[in-house]
Amino acid sequence: MQEIRFHGRGGQGAVIASKILAQALFFEDRYAQAFPTFGAERRGAPVAAFVRSDDKFINIRSRITTPDFVVVMAARLIESVPVTDGLKEGGLMLVNSDLPAAKFNFGNTAAAGPPFRVITINLNRIALEFGLGTEIMPLINAPVLGALAKVSGLVKPESLIRALPDFIPARLADNEKALSAAYEKAGNQL
């Protein structure tokens, strides 16, 4: 079983991204589930969304506490939300930021480094390049999925693009281009 946890702010698209990912995994003949958790339902409030994927039926219905992958859609959340909690040793964290991974403090000593891999990509820039959202709130759900597909190998970008119209029917072509651009950009980070 693969478990993915998204951390974002309300309005960024974490919940929609989790649903698109689950649908794309389903298209690849995998069992998948997606569900969110959030406190105050308002734009900008911290949001978490979860995806599980397996080649057999998934009976678990709880929050994901030991993810294989963590996606941080707003880097400032690292300062206030325990985004690394439970991330498996050897796991992968994808952070939406133009800062290098070494600039983030995950509670590790400078010498040791975190027991997981951290990849940073400025997904806001990619979203804005394709007119998705505004400077204040770029809509990065499609780009984050493209980057996640590349760095994780969880899902094919074609499956994500196939799932997009079910959840993001507006500006579909721009979302597809942003997803593909993020996929390519993430390839440079490997």
C-alpha atoms as a PDB file:
ATOM      1  CA  MET A   1       0.000   0.000   0.000  1.00  0.00           C
ATOM      2  CA  GLN A   2       1.161   3.522  -0.812  1.00  0.00           C
ATOM      3  CA  GLU A   3      -0.001   6.384   1.408  1.00  0.00           C
ATOM      4  CA  ILE A   4       0.192  10.061   0.502  1.00  0.00           C
ATOM      5  CA  ARG A   5      -0.581  13.071   2.714  1.00  0.00           C
ATOM      6  CA  PHE A   6      -1.152  16.542   1.262  1.00  0.00           C
ATOM      7  CA  HIS A   7      -0.744  19.674   3.386  1.00  0.00           C
ATOM      8  CA  GLY A   8      -2.064  22.918   1.959  1.00  0.00           C
ATOM      9  CA  ARG A   9      -4.100  25.999   2.651  1.00  0.00           C
ATOM     10  CA  GLY A  10      -7.788  26.267   1.880  1.00  0.00           C
ATOM     11  CA  GLY A  11      -8.198  27.351  -1.736  1.00  0.00           C
ATOM     12  CA  GLN A  12      -4.912  25.890  -3.016  1.00  0.00           C
ATOM     13  CA  GLY A  13      -6.504  22.672  -4.241  1.00  0.00           C
ATOM     14  CA  ALA A  14      -5.169  19.998  -1.864  1.00  0.00           C
ATOM     15  CA  VAL A  15      -8.555  18.275  -1.609  1.00  0.00           C
ATOM     16  CA  ILE A  16      -9.157  18.372  -5.361  1.00  0.00           C
ATOM     17  CA  ALA A  17      -5.595  17.173  -6.004  1.00  0.00           C
ATOM     18  CA  SER A  18      -6.165  14.165  -3.737  1.00  0.00           C
ATOM     19  CA  LYS A  19      -9.366  13.277  -5.589  1.00  0.00           C
ATOM     20  CA  ILE A  20      -7.694  13.603  -8.995  1.00  0.00           C
ATOM     21  CA  LEU A  21      -4.825  11.386  -7.844  1.00  0.00           C
ATOM     22  CA  ALA A  22      -7.221   8.718  -6.551  1.00  0.00           C
ATOM     23  CA  GLN A  23      -9.173   8.777  -9.833  1.00  0.00           C
ATOM     24  CA  ALA A  24      -5.957   8.507 -11.870  1.00  0.00           C
ATOM     25  CA  LEU A  25      -4.817   5.538  -9.766  1.00  0.00           C
ATOM     26  CA  PHE A  26      -8.210   3.929 -10.376  1.00  0.00           C
ATOM     27  CA  PHE A  27      -7.655   4.395 -14.118  1.00  0.00           C
ATOM     28  CA  GLU A  28      -4.448   2.383 -13.657  1.00  0.00           C
ATOM     29  CA  ASP A  29      -6.432  -0.518 -12.176  1.00  0.00           C
ATOM     30  CA  ARG A  30      -5.484   0.230  -8.578  1.00  0.00           C
ATOM     31  CA  TYR A  31      -7.742   0.576  -5.578  1.00  0.00           C
ATOM     32  CA  ALA A  32      -7.639   4.100  -4.186  1.00  0.00           C
ATOM     33  CA  GLN A  33      -9.334   6.298  -1.640  1.00  0.00           C
ATOM     34  CA  ALA A  34      -9.095  10.035  -1.049  1.00  0.00           C
ATOM     35  CA  PHE A  35     -10.430  12.058   1.854  1.00  0.00           C
ATOM     36  CA  PRO A  36      -9.737  15.432   3.518  1.00  0.00           C
ATOM     37  CA  THR A  37      -9.598  16.787   7.024  1.00  0.00           C
ATOM     38  CA  PHE A  38      -9.775  20.431   7.924  1.00  0.00           C
ATOM     39  CA  GLY A  39     -10.753  22.720  10.772  1.00  0.00           C
ATOM     40  CA  ALA A  40     -12.220  26.091   9.926  1.00  0.00           C
ATOM     41  CA  GLU A  41     -13.566  25.959   6.397  1.00  0.00           C
ATOM     42  CA  ARG A  42     -12.096  29.155   5.074  1.00  0.00           C
ATOM     43  CA  ARG A  43      -9.663  30.195   2.417  1.00  0.00           C
ATOM     44  CA  GLY A  44      -6.111  30.103   3.752  1.00  0.00           C
ATOM     45  CA  ALA A  45      -6.745  27.760   6.700  1.00  0.00           C
ATOM     46  CA  PRO A  46      -4.538  24.644   6.965  1.00  0.00           C
ATOM     47  CA  VAL A  47      -5.983  21.617   5.173  1.00  0.00           C
ATOM     48  CA  ALA A  48      -4.803  18.013   4.972  1.00  0.00           C
ATOM     49  CA  ALA A  49      -5.909  15.508   2.366  1.00  0.00           C
ATOM     50  CA  PHE A  50      -5.051  11.835   2.179  1.00  0.00           C
ATOM     51  CA  VAL A  51      -4.741   9.222  -0.573  1.00  0.00           C
ATOM     52  CA  ARG A  52      -4.244   5.484  -0.219  1.00  0.00           C
ATOM     53  CA  SER A  53      -3.484   3.198  -3.130  1.00  0.00           C
ATOM     54  CA  ASP A  54      -3.081  -0.564  -3.306  1.00  0.00           C
ATOM     55  CA  ASP A  55      -3.478  -3.433  -5.734  1.00  0.00           C
ATOM     56  CA  LYS A  56      -6.113  -4.964  -3.450  1.00  0.00           C
ATOM     57  CA  PHE A  57      -9.221  -3.632  -1.716  1.00  0.00           C
ATOM     58  CA  ILE A  58      -8.456  -1.070   1.000  1.00  0.00           C
ATOM     59  CA  ASN A  59     -10.278  -1.658   4.284  1.00  0.00           C
ATOM     60  CA  ILE A  60      -8.545   1.063   6.319  1.00  0.00           C
ATOM     61  CA  ARG A  61     -10.651   4.174   6.862  1.00  0.00           C
ATOM     62  CA  SER A  62      -8.462   6.223   9.216  1.00  0.00           C
ATOM     63  CA  ARG A  63      -6.206   9.212   8.701  1.00  0.00           C
ATOM     64  CA  ILE A  64      -2.803   8.469   7.286  1.00  0.00           C
ATOM     65  CA  THR A  65      -0.258   8.599  10.092  1.00  0.00           C
ATOM     66  CA  THR A  66       2.770   6.979   8.416  1.00  0.00           C
ATOM     67  CA  PRO A  67       2.817   8.270   4.833  1.00  0.00           C
ATOM     68  CA  ASP A  68       5.271   7.204   2.168  1.00  0.00           C
ATOM     69  CA  PHE A  69       4.946  10.631   0.550  1.00  0.00           C
ATOM     70  CA  VAL A  70       4.127  14.077   1.930  1.00  0.00           C
ATOM     71  CA  VAL A  71       3.207  16.987  -0.315  1.00  0.00           C
ATOM     72  CA  VAL A  72       3.512  20.469   1.196  1.00  0.00           C
ATOM     73  CA  MET A  73       1.641  22.897  -1.026  1.00  0.00           C
ATOM     74  CA  ALA A  74       2.526  25.973   1.081  1.00  0.00           C
ATOM     75  CA  ALA A  75       6.086  25.964   2.445  1.00  0.00           C
ATOM     76  CA  ARG A  76       5.158  28.288   5.337  1.00  0.00           C
ATOM     77  CA  LEU A  77       3.122  25.407   6.780  1.00  0.00           C
ATOM     78  CA  ILE A  78       6.422  23.753   7.729  1.00  0.00           C
ATOM     79  CA  GLU A  79       6.712  26.398  10.483  1.00  0.00           C
ATOM     80  CA  SER A  80       3.278  25.749  12.020  1.00  0.00           C
ATOM     81  CA  VAL A  81       2.049  22.272  11.042  1.00  0.00           C
ATOM     82  CA  PRO A  82       3.907  19.030  11.871  1.00  0.00           C
ATOM     83  CA  VAL A  83       4.172  18.048   8.204  1.00  0.00           C
ATOM     84  CA  THR A  84       6.912  15.470   8.831  1.00  0.00           C
ATOM     85  CA  ASP A  85       4.977  13.534  11.483  1.00  0.00           C
ATOM     86  CA  GLY A  86       5.105   9.834  10.693  1.00  0.00           C
ATOM     87  CA  LEU A  87       6.832  10.234   7.319  1.00  0.00           C
ATOM     88  CA  LYS A  88       8.507   6.891   6.773  1.00  0.00           C
ATOM     89  CA  GLU A  89      12.269   6.664   6.846  1.00  0.00           C
ATOM     90  CA  GLY A  90      13.369   6.818   3.238  1.00  0.00           C
ATOM     91  CA  GLY A  91      10.082   8.523   2.336  1.00  0.00           C
ATOM     92  CA  LEU A  92       9.772  11.568   0.118  1.00  0.00           C
ATOM     93  CA  MET A  93       8.557  15.093   0.801  1.00  0.00           C
ATOM     94  CA  LEU A  94       7.664  17.414  -2.073  1.00  0.00           C
ATOM     95  CA  VAL A  95       7.619  21.092  -1.059  1.00  0.00           C
ATOM     96  CA  ASN A  96       6.220  23.950  -3.135  1.00  0.00           C
ATOM     97  CA  SER A  97       9.077  26.421  -2.757  1.00  0.00           C
ATOM     98  CA  ASP A  98      11.834  28.146  -4.663  1.00  0.00           C
ATOM     99  CA  LEU A  99      14.187  27.584  -1.705  1.00  0.00           C
ATOM    100  CA  PRO A 100      16.530  24.600  -1.699  1.00  0.00           C
ATOM    101  CA  ALA A 101      15.632  21.727   0.624  1.00  0.00           C
ATOM    102  CA  ALA A 102      18.612  22.492   2.892  1.00  0.00           C
ATOM    103  CA  LYS A 103      16.962  25.786   3.922  1.00  0.00           C
ATOM    104  CA  PHE A 104      14.158  23.990   5.779  1.00  0.00           C
ATOM    105  CA  ASN A 105      14.492  22.832   9.375  1.00  0.00           C
ATOM    106  CA  PHE A 106      12.774  19.519   9.968  1.00  0.00           C
ATOM    107  CA  GLY A 107      14.097  19.137  13.511  1.00  0.00           C
ATOM    108  CA  ASN A 108      17.220  17.315  12.380  1.00  0.00           C
ATOM    109  CA  THR A 109      20.798  18.189  13.225  1.00  0.00           C
ATOM    110  CA  ALA A 110      22.785  19.946  10.541  1.00  0.00           C
ATOM    111  CA  ALA A 111      25.128  16.978  10.198  1.00  0.00           C
ATOM    112  CA  ALA A 112      22.530  14.225   9.984  1.00  0.00           C
ATOM    113  CA  GLY A 113      19.885  15.642   7.677  1.00  0.00           C
ATOM    114  CA  PRO A 114      16.324  14.336   7.648  1.00  0.00           C
ATOM    115  CA  PRO A 115      15.714  10.575   7.332  1.00  0.00           C
ATOM    116  CA  PHE A 116      13.651  11.238   4.197  1.00  0.00           C
ATOM    117  CA  ARG A 117      14.235  12.896   0.855  1.00  0.00           C
ATOM    118  CA  VAL A 118      13.075  16.479   0.281  1.00  0.00           C
ATOM    119  CA  ILE A 119      12.471  17.920  -3.187  1.00  0.00           C
ATOM    120  CA  THR A 120      11.494  21.550  -3.691  1.00  0.00           C
ATOM    121  CA  ILE A 121       9.864  22.978  -6.805  1.00  0.00           C
ATOM    122  CA  ASN A 122       8.279  26.403  -7.264  1.00  0.00           C
ATOM    123  CA  LEU A 123       4.823  25.225  -8.306  1.00  0.00           C
ATOM    124  CA  ASN A 124       3.323  28.694  -7.781  1.00  0.00           C
ATOM    125  CA  ARG A 125       5.439  29.995 -10.655  1.00  0.00           C
ATOM    126  CA  ILE A 126       4.275  27.172 -12.917  1.00  0.00           C
ATOM    127  CA  ALA A 127       0.604  27.777 -12.047  1.00  0.00           C
ATOM    128  CA  LEU A 128       0.905  31.510 -12.688  1.00  0.00           C
ATOM    129  CA  GLU A 129       2.726  30.891 -15.964  1.00  0.00           C
ATOM    130  CA  PHE A 130      -0.461  29.203 -17.201  1.00  0.00           C
ATOM    131  CA  GLY A 131      -2.834  31.737 -15.618  1.00  0.00           C
ATOM    132  CA  LEU A 132      -4.050  29.433 -12.831  1.00  0.00           C
ATOM    133  CA  GLY A 133      -5.114  31.547  -9.878  1.00  0.00           C
ATOM    134  CA  THR A 134      -3.649  34.826  -8.706  1.00  0.00           C
ATOM    135  CA  GLU A 135      -0.353  36.025  -7.198  1.00  0.00           C
ATOM    136  CA  ILE A 136      -2.011  35.810  -3.781  1.00  0.00           C
ATOM    137  CA  MET A 137      -3.510  32.348  -4.324  1.00  0.00           C
ATOM    138  CA  PRO A 138      -2.072  30.365  -7.238  1.00  0.00           C
ATOM    139  CA  LEU A 139      -4.071  27.211  -8.016  1.00  0.00           C
ATOM    140  CA  ILE A 140      -1.420  24.515  -7.916  1.00  0.00           C
ATOM    141  CA  ASN A 141      -3.435  21.288  -7.753  1.00  0.00           C
ATOM    142  CA  ALA A 142      -2.585  20.276 -11.340  1.00  0.00           C
ATOM    143  CA  PRO A 143       1.111  21.255 -11.154  1.00  0.00           C
ATOM    144  CA  VAL A 144       1.596  19.531  -7.797  1.00  0.00           C
ATOM    145  CA  LEU A 145       0.247  16.305  -9.268  1.00  0.00           C
ATOM    146  CA  GLY A 146       2.594  16.514 -12.242  1.00  0.00           C
ATOM    147  CA  ALA A 147       5.581  17.009  -9.935  1.00  0.00           C
ATOM    148  CA  LEU A 148       4.429  14.225  -7.588  1.00  0.00           C
ATOM    149  CA  ALA A 149       4.000  11.816 -10.515  1.00  0.00           C
ATOM    150  CA  LYS A 150       7.568  12.433 -11.636  1.00  0.00           C
ATOM    151  CA  VAL A 151       9.327  12.266  -8.247  1.00  0.00           C
ATOM    152  CA  SER A 152       7.295   9.348  -6.870  1.00  0.00           C
ATOM    153  CA  GLY A 153       6.562   7.164  -9.886  1.00  0.00           C
ATOM    154  CA  LEU A 154       3.124   6.523  -8.339  1.00  0.00           C
ATOM    155  CA  VAL A 155       1.062   7.328 -11.390  1.00  0.00           C
ATOM    156  CA  LYS A 156       1.464   8.163 -15.067  1.00  0.00           C
ATOM    157  CA  PRO A 157       0.893  11.787 -16.093  1.00  0.00           C
ATOM    158  CA  GLU A 158      -1.482  10.547 -18.809  1.00  0.00           C
ATOM    159  CA  SER A 159      -3.745   9.068 -16.120  1.00  0.00           C
ATOM    160  CA  LEU A 160      -3.744  12.362 -14.218  1.00  0.00           C
ATOM    161  CA  ILE A 161      -4.612  14.279 -17.388  1.00  0.00           C
ATOM    162  CA  ARG A 162      -7.432  11.793 -18.038  1.00  0.00           C
ATOM    163  CA  ALA A 163      -8.803  12.448 -14.519  1.00  0.00           C
ATOM    164  CA  LEU A 164      -8.583  16.263 -14.674  1.00  0.00           C
ATOM    165  CA  PRO A 165     -11.896  16.956 -16.480  1.00  0.00           C
ATOM    166  CA  ASP A 166     -13.882  15.216 -13.727  1.00  0.00           C
ATOM    167  CA  PHE A 167     -12.608  17.694 -11.125  1.00  0.00           C
ATOM    168  CA  ILE A 168     -11.284  20.764 -12.968  1.00  0.00           C
ATOM    169  CA  PRO A 169     -13.428  21.269 -16.072  1.00  0.00           C
ATOM    170  CA  ALA A 170     -12.605  24.997 -16.325  1.00  0.00           C
ATOM    171  CA  ARG A 171      -9.359  25.988 -18.044  1.00  0.00           C
ATOM    172  CA  LEU A 172      -8.663  22.339 -18.726  1.00  0.00           C
ATOM    173  CA  ALA A 173      -5.988  22.962 -21.372  1.00  0.00           C
ATOM    174  CA  ASP A 174      -4.059  25.307 -19.055  1.00  0.00           C
ATOM    175  CA  ASN A 175      -4.229  22.781 -16.208  1.00  0.00           C
ATOM    176  CA  GLU A 176      -2.980  20.021 -18.510  1.00  0.00           C
ATOM    177  CA  LYS A 177      -0.073  22.214 -19.643  1.00  0.00           C
ATOM    178  CA  ALA A 178       0.782  23.146 -16.045  1.00  0.00           C
ATOM    179  CA  LEU A 179       0.700  19.490 -14.980  1.00  0.00           C
ATOM    180  CA  SER A 180       3.026  18.537 -17.855  1.00  0.00           C
ATOM    181  CA  ALA A 181       5.381  21.474 -17.188  1.00  0.00           C
ATOM    182  CA  ALA A 182       5.651  20.521 -13.506  1.00  0.00           C
ATOM    183  CA  TYR A 183       6.313  16.902 -14.488  1.00  0.00           C
ATOM    184  CA  GLU A 184       9.203  18.035 -16.700  1.00  0.00           C
ATOM    185  CA  LYS A 185      10.556  20.497 -14.115  1.00  0.00           C
ATOM    186  CA  ALA A 186      10.482  17.817 -11.409  1.00  0.00           C
ATOM    187  CA  GLY A 187      12.570  15.600 -13.659  1.00  0.00           C
ATOM    188  CA  ASN A 188      15.351  18.178 -13.310  1.00  0.00           C
ATOM    189  CA  GLN A 189      15.232  17.773  -9.515  1.00  0.00           C
ATOM    190  CA  LEU A 190      15.941  14.036  -9.509  1.00  0.00           C
END
